[in-house]
Each structure stands twice: as structure tokens, then as C-alpha cells.
Amino acid sequence: MDSIRYIGLDLHRDTISAAVLDSDGTVMMQSVLATRAGAIIDFLNGIRGTLHVTFEECNHSSWLYDLLARRVADVVVCDPRKNKLLKSGNKSDRIDARKLAELLRLRSLSPVYHGETSALDVQHRVRNYTGLTEDTTRVMCRLKALFRSQAIACPGKKAFRKENRESYLVQLGGAAIRERAENLYRELDALHPLRLRARREMLAECRKHPATKWLQSIPYLGKVRSAVLIGRVQTPHRFRTKRQFWAYCGLALETRSS
């Protein structure tokens, strides 16, 4: 028990504030590291004992989790919205790192799931596809809003087809607004092949996952929905109960009151 060390890391773009506590809660060390893999590994190698590390979910959390997972006994990526202790009292990077280490020692953190690597490639493919889909939808909405601002009716997807574009552009009055619409059409033409390519890559990667056949046997779950489900959920075993899994997938009932 005496050899356990609790390490809290307060992550930033350029630096990391680190605090090390022993099993009694005594501060053994506080340091500031560069946000670099080599500096973090050297810091951990200089600490003797069984290391338990925590830090908050942020842009760097996936990278740091993968770096530390095989080098320490336990890594907890915690939810910053539930760390009320960090909001009380004085605030600084050193204080926040010490409070994180103390919360880890008391087991009072709410972890954010990290750790499934079998669906990691599918996850990145899904993020690529969904991001391009959202960008395409955004451009299409801007085009429709532009035409509607000039009282030009554009129902359905007719305005996006290449053979119909000129007839819609002619109805725009000034040269500036027409140029704006043409630039949106160019942006749409650039996004469309990227989205199709991302979709093919996502489906090809999803076929390697053993859960694909099971998911596609469910009604209304086709290739795309199955791939998105695998990429976002990764594994159902991360959830404590089936109800939590259903709620995460958007299949549970929602009760709202005011």
C-alpha cells in the first residue's frame, strides 16, 4: 500500500502540471513538464512504486491515454464537468493537479471511457465520414438559404443537380450574390467525392469487424448505420447495464419535466 503513487496531470497545449501523492495524501512532488512524450515518460520513470494516473478529458486525452496505458498500473480519464472540487477555492495549474491526484486517491472521479483499440480504425473512419457529411449538409443548407432569401423556390434536391444550376443562378439578381452561390456550388462539388471516398473506406474497414454481421441482421440497421454504431460505441461491454447502452445509442425513453 505504501508504494502506491497517485499522479494528477493538468494538461495544456504546451505544458503539463503534475502532482504526486502517496497513499496517505502527502504531496511528494510537484513539477511542470513539456507536453511531449519523452518528457512525460522520463518523469514517470523517476517515480518509484505503483503508479495511478489521472487527467481530465480534453483534446490531448486520447494521445496521453495511449502513451500511458502500458506504462502505469491504472489510467483514469475523468469527466471535467463532474469535478466540483476543482471549482472551489483558489485555482492554478499546480492546485488543479494536486486536487486531481487527491480525487483519484479517494476514488471520487467519474471516468470517461478509453481503452478499446479493436474498433479504433473504424472510429476514425466514421469520424471522417460524419464530418464530411455534416460539411456537405451545411453547404447545401447555405445554398438553399441563399435562394430563399431572394424568394426563389428550391424544393427537394433539384437545386443541387448540375443540369439545373444555371437556371437557378440566372434568377439571382446581382453579380456578388451570384458569385457567392457559385462558390458554394464549387465547395459542394469538392466535398461530394471526398464524402463518397470516406464512405467506401469506412464500409471497407467496418467489414473487418466481427460485430458487423450481427448488427446488419437487425432491421433498419444497414451498412452505414452499423459502421457508425461500431465507431461510436466501440464495445457494449463498456456499459454497466443494457439500459445505459440503449440510452447511449438513443433508443431509450426520455423523460423531461420542468
Protein backbone atom coordinates (compact mmCIF):
# COMPACT_ATOMS: atom_id res chain seq x y z
CA MET A 1 0.00 0.00 0.00
CA ASP A 2 2.82 2.42 0.85
CA SER A 3 4.32 2.05 -2.64
CA ILE A 4 1.20 3.36 -4.43
CA ARG A 5 1.62 6.76 -6.03
CA TYR A 6 -1.32 8.89 -7.22
CA ILE A 7 -0.44 11.29 -10.02
CA GLY A 8 -2.66 14.13 -11.18
CA LEU A 9 -1.91 15.79 -14.51
CA ASP A 10 -3.34 19.15 -15.54
CA LEU A 11 -3.00 19.17 -19.32
CA HIS A 12 -2.37 22.18 -21.52
CA ARG A 13 -1.14 22.69 -25.05
CA ASP A 14 2.49 23.41 -24.15
CA THR A 15 2.90 22.29 -20.53
CA ILE A 16 1.56 19.76 -18.04
CA SER A 17 1.40 20.41 -14.30
CA ALA A 18 1.95 17.21 -12.35
CA ALA A 19 1.39 16.39 -8.69
CA VAL A 20 2.35 13.13 -6.96
CA LEU A 21 0.70 11.95 -3.72
CA ASP A 22 1.45 8.91 -1.59
CA SER A 23 -1.19 6.60 -0.11
CA ASP A 24 -1.66 8.97 2.88
CA GLY A 25 -2.33 12.01 0.66
CA THR A 26 1.04 13.66 1.30
CA VAL A 27 2.40 15.66 -1.61
CA MET A 28 5.66 14.01 -2.66
CA MET A 29 6.42 16.02 -5.76
CA GLN A 30 5.07 18.76 -8.00
CA SER A 31 6.52 19.56 -11.38
CA VAL A 32 5.84 21.23 -14.73
CA LEU A 33 6.53 19.17 -17.86
CA ALA A 34 6.51 19.88 -21.54
CA THR A 35 3.59 18.33 -23.41
CA ARG A 36 5.91 15.87 -25.11
CA ALA A 37 6.02 12.08 -24.92
CA GLY A 38 9.70 11.97 -23.94
CA ALA A 39 9.30 14.42 -21.05
CA ILE A 40 6.31 12.54 -19.65
CA ILE A 41 7.99 9.14 -19.84
CA ASP A 42 11.16 10.47 -18.18
CA PHE A 43 9.05 11.95 -15.39
CA LEU A 44 7.23 8.67 -14.73
CA ASN A 45 10.45 6.65 -14.86
CA GLY A 46 11.78 8.77 -11.99
CA ILE A 47 8.92 7.79 -9.66
CA ARG A 48 9.16 4.52 -7.75
CA GLY A 49 6.12 2.48 -6.84
CA THR A 50 2.80 1.50 -8.37
CA LEU A 51 1.61 4.45 -10.43
CA HIS A 52 -2.04 5.52 -10.76
CA VAL A 53 -2.52 8.47 -13.13
CA THR A 54 -5.47 10.73 -13.83
CA PHE A 55 -6.20 13.71 -16.06
CA GLU A 56 -9.28 15.39 -17.48
CA GLU A 57 -10.88 14.66 -20.84
CA CYS A 58 -9.56 17.14 -23.44
CA ASN A 59 -8.04 17.30 -26.92
CA HIS A 60 -4.88 15.53 -25.75
CA SER A 61 -6.57 12.84 -23.66
CA SER A 62 -6.63 10.04 -26.29
CA TRP A 63 -2.98 10.60 -27.14
CA LEU A 64 -1.91 10.65 -23.49
CA TYR A 65 -4.02 7.61 -22.60
CA ASP A 66 -2.39 5.55 -25.36
CA LEU A 67 1.02 6.74 -24.17
CA LEU A 68 0.47 5.81 -20.53
CA ALA A 69 -1.80 2.76 -20.68
CA ARG A 70 1.05 0.23 -20.87
CA ARG A 71 3.45 2.13 -18.63
CA VAL A 72 1.43 2.58 -15.44
CA ALA A 73 -0.85 0.41 -13.32
CA ASP A 74 -4.01 2.45 -13.93
CA VAL A 75 -5.08 5.45 -16.02
CA VAL A 76 -8.32 7.31 -15.29
CA VAL A 77 -9.52 9.90 -17.80
CA CYS A 78 -12.10 11.85 -15.80
CA ASP A 79 -15.09 13.96 -16.76
CA PRO A 80 -14.26 17.66 -16.10
CA ARG A 81 -17.96 18.55 -15.75
CA LYS A 82 -18.22 16.41 -12.61
CA ASN A 83 -15.06 17.58 -10.80
CA LYS A 84 -16.74 20.06 -8.48
CA LEU A 85 -13.76 20.13 -6.13
CA LEU A 86 -11.66 21.82 -8.81
CA LYS A 87 -14.08 24.77 -8.91
CA SER A 88 -13.83 25.53 -5.20
CA GLY A 89 -11.09 27.61 -3.60
CA ASN A 90 -8.07 29.04 -5.34
CA LYS A 91 -7.27 27.91 -8.86
CA SER A 92 -3.95 27.35 -10.58
CA ASP A 93 -2.39 24.58 -12.62
CA ARG A 94 -0.45 23.25 -9.61
CA ILE A 95 -3.55 23.30 -7.37
CA ASP A 96 -5.70 21.59 -10.01
CA ALA A 97 -3.10 18.84 -10.49
CA ARG A 98 -2.95 18.23 -6.73
CA LYS A 99 -6.75 18.14 -6.44
CA LEU A 100 -6.96 15.63 -9.30
CA ALA A 101 -4.45 13.38 -7.56
CA GLU A 102 -6.42 13.68 -4.30
CA LEU A 103 -9.71 12.81 -6.04
CA LEU A 104 -8.01 9.81 -7.62
CA ARG A 105 -6.76 8.66 -4.20
CA LEU A 106 -10.29 8.98 -2.79
CA ARG A 107 -11.79 7.26 -5.86
CA SER A 108 -14.16 10.21 -6.37
CA LEU A 109 -13.67 10.66 -10.13
CA SER A 110 -16.18 9.94 -12.89
CA PRO A 111 -14.19 8.16 -15.63
CA VAL A 112 -14.62 8.75 -19.35
CA TYR A 113 -14.29 5.58 -21.40
CA HIS A 114 -10.96 5.00 -23.14
CA GLY A 115 -9.25 1.77 -23.93
CA GLU A 116 -10.94 -0.16 -26.75
CA THR A 117 -8.45 -0.49 -29.63
CA SER A 118 -10.13 -3.13 -31.81
CA ALA A 119 -12.57 -0.56 -33.25
CA LEU A 120 -10.16 2.38 -33.28
CA ASP A 121 -9.70 2.38 -37.07
CA VAL A 122 -13.46 2.20 -37.59
CA GLN A 123 -13.86 5.10 -35.18
CA HIS A 124 -11.53 7.33 -37.18
CA ARG A 125 -13.18 6.34 -40.47
CA VAL A 126 -16.60 7.10 -39.01
CA ARG A 127 -15.46 10.49 -37.74
CA ASN A 128 -14.07 11.28 -41.17
CA TYR A 129 -17.30 10.30 -42.92
CA THR A 130 -19.66 12.02 -40.47
CA GLY A 131 -17.57 15.19 -40.53
CA LEU A 132 -17.67 15.36 -44.33
CA THR A 133 -21.40 14.59 -44.27
CA GLU A 134 -22.01 17.46 -41.86
CA ASP A 135 -19.92 19.80 -44.02
CA THR A 136 -21.87 18.79 -47.13
CA THR A 137 -25.19 19.32 -45.37
CA ARG A 138 -24.04 22.72 -44.13
CA VAL A 139 -23.16 23.89 -47.67
CA MET A 140 -26.47 22.62 -49.04
CA CYS A 141 -28.37 24.49 -46.33
CA ARG A 142 -26.45 27.68 -47.10
CA LEU A 143 -27.32 27.37 -50.79
CA LYS A 144 -30.99 26.90 -50.06
CA ALA A 145 -30.97 29.81 -47.63
CA LEU A 146 -29.36 31.99 -50.29
CA PHE A 147 -32.02 31.17 -52.88
CA ARG A 148 -34.86 31.55 -50.39
CA SER A 149 -33.54 34.98 -49.36
CA GLN A 150 -34.27 36.05 -52.96
CA ALA A 151 -37.74 34.43 -52.92
CA ILE A 152 -36.56 31.62 -55.25
CA ALA A 153 -38.32 28.32 -54.57
CA CYS A 154 -35.91 25.36 -54.32
CA PRO A 155 -37.76 22.28 -53.06
CA GLY A 156 -36.01 18.95 -52.65
CA LYS A 157 -32.56 18.41 -54.16
CA LYS A 158 -33.33 19.89 -57.56
CA ALA A 159 -31.19 22.98 -56.99
CA PHE A 160 -28.07 20.88 -56.36
CA ARG A 161 -28.10 18.96 -59.65
CA LYS A 162 -25.59 20.22 -62.18
CA GLU A 163 -28.08 20.34 -65.05
CA ASN A 164 -30.37 22.68 -63.04
CA ARG A 165 -27.80 25.01 -61.51
CA GLU A 166 -27.67 27.57 -64.31
CA SER A 167 -31.42 28.08 -64.23
CA TYR A 168 -31.22 28.90 -60.53
CA LEU A 169 -28.17 31.14 -60.89
CA VAL A 170 -29.89 33.20 -63.61
CA GLN A 171 -32.64 34.10 -61.15
CA LEU A 172 -30.13 35.73 -58.79
CA GLY A 173 -30.02 39.48 -59.40
CA GLY A 174 -26.59 40.95 -58.61
CA ALA A 175 -23.17 39.69 -59.59
CA ALA A 176 -21.97 39.48 -55.97
CA ILE A 177 -24.75 37.17 -54.80
CA ARG A 178 -24.37 35.03 -57.91
CA GLU A 179 -20.63 34.68 -57.26
CA ARG A 180 -21.42 33.64 -53.69
CA ALA A 181 -23.75 30.91 -54.96
CA GLU A 182 -21.17 29.72 -57.49
CA ASN A 183 -18.54 29.42 -54.74
CA LEU A 184 -20.95 27.35 -52.68
CA TYR A 185 -21.53 25.08 -55.68
CA ARG A 186 -17.75 24.69 -56.09
CA GLU A 187 -17.44 23.82 -52.40
CA LEU A 188 -20.23 21.26 -52.77
CA ASP A 189 -18.51 19.69 -55.79
CA ALA A 190 -15.26 19.40 -53.82
CA LEU A 191 -16.94 17.79 -50.80
CA HIS A 192 -19.01 15.24 -52.72
CA PRO A 193 -16.14 12.99 -53.97
CA LEU A 194 -14.38 13.25 -50.59
CA ARG A 195 -17.54 12.10 -48.83
CA LEU A 196 -18.01 9.15 -51.22
CA ARG A 197 -14.40 8.10 -50.73
CA ALA A 198 -14.73 8.36 -46.95
CA ARG A 199 -17.89 6.26 -47.11
CA ARG A 200 -16.15 3.50 -49.09
CA GLU A 201 -13.19 3.46 -46.70
CA MET A 202 -15.49 3.38 -43.68
CA LEU A 203 -17.52 0.43 -45.01
CA ALA A 204 -14.38 -1.45 -46.03
CA GLU A 205 -12.90 -1.03 -42.55
CA CYS A 206 -16.20 -1.94 -40.88
CA ARG A 207 -16.36 -5.27 -42.73
CA LYS A 208 -13.25 -6.37 -40.82
CA HIS A 209 -15.09 -6.02 -37.50
CA PRO A 210 -16.82 -9.21 -36.26
CA ALA A 211 -19.89 -7.32 -34.98
CA THR A 212 -20.87 -6.12 -38.46
CA LYS A 213 -22.87 -9.22 -39.43
CA TRP A 214 -24.74 -9.22 -36.12
CA LEU A 215 -25.72 -5.56 -36.43
CA GLN A 216 -26.80 -5.82 -40.06
CA SER A 217 -29.16 -8.66 -39.13
CA ILE A 218 -31.21 -6.10 -37.14
CA PRO A 219 -33.99 -4.39 -39.14
CA TYR A 220 -33.23 -0.80 -40.24
CA LEU A 221 -29.53 -1.19 -39.49
CA GLY A 222 -27.76 -1.14 -42.84
CA LYS A 223 -24.10 -0.86 -43.70
CA VAL A 224 -23.68 2.81 -42.86
CA ARG A 225 -25.63 2.75 -39.60
CA SER A 226 -23.79 -0.37 -38.44
CA ALA A 227 -20.43 1.23 -39.16
CA VAL A 228 -21.38 4.43 -37.31
CA LEU A 229 -22.64 2.39 -34.35
CA ILE A 230 -19.41 0.39 -34.12
CA GLY A 231 -17.28 3.52 -34.47
CA ARG A 232 -19.10 5.44 -31.77
CA VAL A 233 -19.92 2.69 -29.26
CA GLN A 234 -16.77 0.57 -29.89
CA THR A 235 -17.88 -2.14 -27.43
CA PRO A 236 -21.13 -2.68 -25.46
CA HIS A 237 -19.12 -4.08 -22.53
CA ARG A 238 -18.13 -0.54 -21.53
CA PHE A 239 -21.65 -0.05 -20.13
CA ARG A 240 -22.72 -1.37 -16.74
CA THR A 241 -26.27 -2.23 -17.80
CA LYS A 242 -28.23 -2.69 -21.01
CA ARG A 243 -30.30 0.40 -20.28
CA GLN A 244 -27.19 2.58 -20.29
CA PHE A 245 -26.22 1.09 -23.64
CA TRP A 246 -29.67 1.76 -25.10
CA ALA A 247 -29.63 5.33 -23.82
CA TYR A 248 -26.20 5.97 -25.35
CA CYS A 249 -27.49 4.72 -28.72
CA GLY A 250 -30.56 6.96 -28.49
CA LEU A 251 -33.01 4.05 -28.08
CA ALA A 252 -34.15 4.75 -24.52
CA LEU A 253 -37.21 6.73 -23.45
CA GLU A 254 -36.55 10.30 -22.35
CA THR A 255 -38.49 11.89 -19.52
CA ARG A 256 -38.41 15.68 -19.33
CA SER A 257 -40.05 17.85 -16.70
CA SER A 258 -40.00 21.50 -15.74
